[in-house]
Amino acid sequence: MDTNHIELLHSKALQLLKDLEAMHIIKMHKVIEQPKEQKLSEQYRGMLSKEEGIELNCHIDQMRNAWNNSSCV
């Protein structure tokens, strides 16, 4: 038997397919879609409040300045 991928264009099409499956004319398989890859910025958007974000940026700047001001011996 052939396997076909179809796109339903009308809301009643799914019920027609279910009826055909009930009559053992076709068999429908559930397809689990793979989640789209998200950018980390999209994934974590909104996790910090604006104030927390400002504090974090200040802390990162302080750490960078400390790193840049230290000398390797």
N, C-alpha and C. Protein backbone atom coordinates (compact mmCIF):
# COMPACT_ATOMS: atom_id res chain seq x y z
N MET A 1 0.83 -1.19 0.00
CA MET A 1 0.00 0.00 0.00
C MET A 1 0.87 1.24 0.00
N ASP A 2 0.32 2.31 -0.53
CA ASP A 2 1.03 3.59 -0.58
C ASP A 2 0.74 4.42 0.66
N THR A 3 1.71 5.22 1.02
CA THR A 3 1.54 6.20 2.10
C THR A 3 1.61 7.57 1.48
N ASN A 4 0.61 8.41 1.76
CA ASN A 4 0.55 9.75 1.20
C ASN A 4 0.44 10.77 2.32
N HIS A 5 1.00 11.91 2.04
CA HIS A 5 0.91 13.04 2.97
C HIS A 5 -0.07 14.03 2.35
N ILE A 6 -1.09 14.42 3.12
CA ILE A 6 -2.10 15.31 2.56
C ILE A 6 -2.24 16.56 3.42
N GLU A 7 -2.74 17.61 2.84
CA GLU A 7 -3.04 18.85 3.55
C GLU A 7 -4.55 19.06 3.50
N LEU A 8 -5.16 19.22 4.66
CA LEU A 8 -6.60 19.42 4.73
C LEU A 8 -6.92 20.89 4.46
N LEU A 9 -7.76 21.13 3.47
CA LEU A 9 -8.09 22.49 3.08
C LEU A 9 -9.47 22.94 3.59
N HIS A 10 -10.24 21.99 4.09
CA HIS A 10 -11.58 22.31 4.55
C HIS A 10 -11.79 21.67 5.91
N SER A 11 -12.53 22.31 6.79
CA SER A 11 -12.72 21.80 8.14
C SER A 11 -13.46 20.46 8.17
N LYS A 12 -14.25 20.16 7.17
CA LYS A 12 -15.00 18.90 7.14
C LYS A 12 -14.17 17.73 6.60
N ALA A 13 -12.99 18.02 6.06
CA ALA A 13 -12.16 16.98 5.47
C ALA A 13 -11.69 15.97 6.52
N LEU A 14 -11.37 16.44 7.71
CA LEU A 14 -10.91 15.53 8.75
C LEU A 14 -12.00 14.53 9.12
N GLN A 15 -13.23 14.98 9.21
CA GLN A 15 -14.31 14.06 9.55
C GLN A 15 -14.52 13.02 8.45
N LEU A 16 -14.37 13.44 7.19
CA LEU A 16 -14.47 12.48 6.09
C LEU A 16 -13.38 11.41 6.20
N LEU A 17 -12.18 11.82 6.54
CA LEU A 17 -11.09 10.87 6.69
C LEU A 17 -11.35 9.93 7.87
N LYS A 18 -11.88 10.45 8.95
CA LYS A 18 -12.21 9.60 10.09
C LYS A 18 -13.29 8.59 9.73
N ASP A 19 -14.26 9.01 8.91
CA ASP A 19 -15.30 8.09 8.45
C ASP A 19 -14.70 6.98 7.59
N LEU A 20 -13.77 7.35 6.70
CA LEU A 20 -13.11 6.34 5.86
C LEU A 20 -12.29 5.38 6.72
N GLU A 21 -11.69 5.88 7.77
CA GLU A 21 -10.92 5.02 8.65
C GLU A 21 -11.86 4.06 9.41
N ALA A 22 -13.02 4.56 9.82
CA ALA A 22 -13.99 3.72 10.52
C ALA A 22 -14.50 2.60 9.62
N MET A 23 -14.54 2.83 8.31
CA MET A 23 -14.98 1.80 7.36
C MET A 23 -13.82 0.91 6.92
N HIS A 24 -12.64 1.10 7.53
CA HIS A 24 -11.44 0.32 7.23
C HIS A 24 -11.00 0.47 5.78
N ILE A 25 -11.20 1.66 5.24
CA ILE A 25 -10.75 1.96 3.88
C ILE A 25 -9.35 2.58 3.92
N ILE A 26 -9.12 3.40 4.91
CA ILE A 26 -7.81 4.02 5.09
C ILE A 26 -7.39 3.85 6.55
N LYS A 27 -6.12 4.08 6.81
CA LYS A 27 -5.62 4.10 8.18
C LYS A 27 -4.84 5.39 8.34
N MET A 28 -5.18 6.14 9.38
CA MET A 28 -4.48 7.40 9.63
C MET A 28 -3.42 7.18 10.70
N HIS A 29 -2.28 7.83 10.50
CA HIS A 29 -1.17 7.77 11.44
C HIS A 29 -0.96 9.17 12.01
N LYS A 30 -0.79 9.23 13.31
CA LYS A 30 -0.51 10.52 13.93
C LYS A 30 0.95 10.87 13.69
N VAL A 31 1.20 12.08 13.26
CA VAL A 31 2.56 12.53 13.02
C VAL A 31 2.93 13.49 14.14
N ILE A 32 4.03 13.18 14.80
CA ILE A 32 4.52 14.06 15.85
C ILE A 32 5.53 15.00 15.21
N GLU A 33 5.19 16.28 15.24
CA GLU A 33 6.08 17.27 14.62
C GLU A 33 7.25 17.56 15.54
N GLN A 34 8.41 17.68 14.93
CA GLN A 34 9.59 18.04 15.69
C GLN A 34 9.54 19.52 16.01
N PRO A 35 9.85 19.88 17.24
CA PRO A 35 9.83 21.31 17.58
C PRO A 35 10.89 22.07 16.79
N LYS A 36 10.53 23.27 16.39
CA LYS A 36 11.48 24.10 15.65
C LYS A 36 12.59 24.53 16.59
N GLU A 37 13.80 24.61 16.03
CA GLU A 37 14.91 25.08 16.85
C GLU A 37 14.72 26.56 17.13
N GLN A 38 14.82 26.92 18.39
CA GLN A 38 14.69 28.30 18.79
C GLN A 38 16.06 28.87 19.11
N LYS A 39 16.22 30.14 18.83
CA LYS A 39 17.42 30.81 19.27
C LYS A 39 17.35 30.92 20.78
N LEU A 40 18.49 30.92 21.42
CA LEU A 40 18.49 31.05 22.88
C LEU A 40 17.83 32.34 23.32
N SER A 41 18.03 33.41 22.55
CA SER A 41 17.41 34.68 22.91
C SER A 41 15.88 34.58 22.89
N GLU A 42 15.34 33.81 21.94
CA GLU A 42 13.89 33.62 21.88
C GLU A 42 13.42 32.71 23.00
N GLN A 43 14.22 31.71 23.32
CA GLN A 43 13.84 30.74 24.32
C GLN A 43 13.75 31.37 25.71
N TYR A 44 14.65 32.30 26.00
CA TYR A 44 14.70 32.89 27.33
C TYR A 44 14.12 34.30 27.39
N ARG A 45 13.50 34.77 26.32
CA ARG A 45 12.92 36.10 26.29
C ARG A 45 11.86 36.21 27.39
N GLY A 46 11.94 37.29 28.16
CA GLY A 46 10.95 37.54 29.20
C GLY A 46 11.23 36.86 30.52
N MET A 47 12.34 36.14 30.63
CA MET A 47 12.65 35.43 31.87
C MET A 47 13.10 36.40 32.96
N LEU A 48 13.74 37.48 32.58
CA LEU A 48 14.20 38.48 33.54
C LEU A 48 13.36 39.75 33.39
N SER A 49 13.13 40.40 34.51
CA SER A 49 12.45 41.69 34.42
C SER A 49 13.44 42.70 33.86
N LYS A 50 12.95 43.86 33.48
CA LYS A 50 13.82 44.89 32.91
C LYS A 50 14.88 45.30 33.93
N GLU A 51 14.46 45.42 35.19
CA GLU A 51 15.39 45.82 36.25
C GLU A 51 16.47 44.75 36.46
N GLU A 52 16.06 43.49 36.45
CA GLU A 52 17.03 42.40 36.61
C GLU A 52 18.00 42.37 35.44
N GLY A 53 17.50 42.66 34.25
CA GLY A 53 18.37 42.70 33.07
C GLY A 53 19.40 43.81 33.17
N ILE A 54 18.99 44.97 33.66
CA ILE A 54 19.92 46.10 33.82
C ILE A 54 20.98 45.74 34.86
N GLU A 55 20.55 45.14 35.98
CA GLU A 55 21.50 44.73 37.02
C GLU A 55 22.48 43.69 36.48
N LEU A 56 21.98 42.75 35.70
CA LEU A 56 22.85 41.72 35.13
C LEU A 56 23.87 42.34 34.18
N ASN A 57 23.43 43.27 33.34
CA ASN A 57 24.36 43.93 32.41
C ASN A 57 25.42 44.70 33.16
N CYS A 58 25.05 45.38 34.26
CA CYS A 58 26.03 46.11 35.06
C CYS A 58 27.04 45.15 35.67
N HIS A 59 26.55 44.03 36.18
CA HIS A 59 27.44 43.03 36.78
C HIS A 59 28.40 42.47 35.72
N ILE A 60 27.90 42.19 34.54
CA ILE A 60 28.75 41.67 33.46
C ILE A 60 29.81 42.69 33.08
N ASP A 61 29.42 43.96 32.99
CA ASP A 61 30.39 45.03 32.68
C ASP A 61 31.47 45.09 33.75
N GLN A 62 31.08 44.98 35.04
CA GLN A 62 32.06 45.01 36.13
C GLN A 62 33.02 43.83 36.01
N MET A 63 32.49 42.65 35.69
CA MET A 63 33.35 41.48 35.55
C MET A 63 34.31 41.64 34.38
N ARG A 64 33.85 42.20 33.28
CA ARG A 64 34.72 42.41 32.11
C ARG A 64 35.82 43.41 32.44
N ASN A 65 35.45 44.48 33.14
CA ASN A 65 36.45 45.49 33.51
C ASN A 65 37.49 44.88 34.45
N ALA A 66 37.05 44.07 35.40
CA ALA A 66 37.99 43.43 36.31
C ALA A 66 38.91 42.49 35.54
N TRP A 67 38.37 41.77 34.59
CA TRP A 67 39.17 40.85 33.78
C TRP A 67 40.20 41.62 32.94
N ASN A 68 39.74 42.73 32.32
CA ASN A 68 40.63 43.52 31.47
C ASN A 68 41.69 44.24 32.28
N ASN A 69 41.39 44.60 33.52
CA ASN A 69 42.35 45.34 34.35
C ASN A 69 43.37 44.43 35.02
N SER A 70 43.07 43.14 35.10
CA SER A 70 44.03 42.22 35.73
C SER A 70 45.13 41.91 34.73
N SER A 71 46.31 41.69 35.27
CA SER A 71 47.42 41.37 34.37
C SER A 71 47.90 39.95 34.64
N CYS A 72 48.32 39.29 33.61
CA CYS A 72 48.85 37.94 33.76
C CYS A 72 50.29 38.01 34.19
N VAL A 73 50.65 37.22 35.15
CA VAL A 73 52.03 37.22 35.64
C VAL A 73 52.73 35.99 35.17
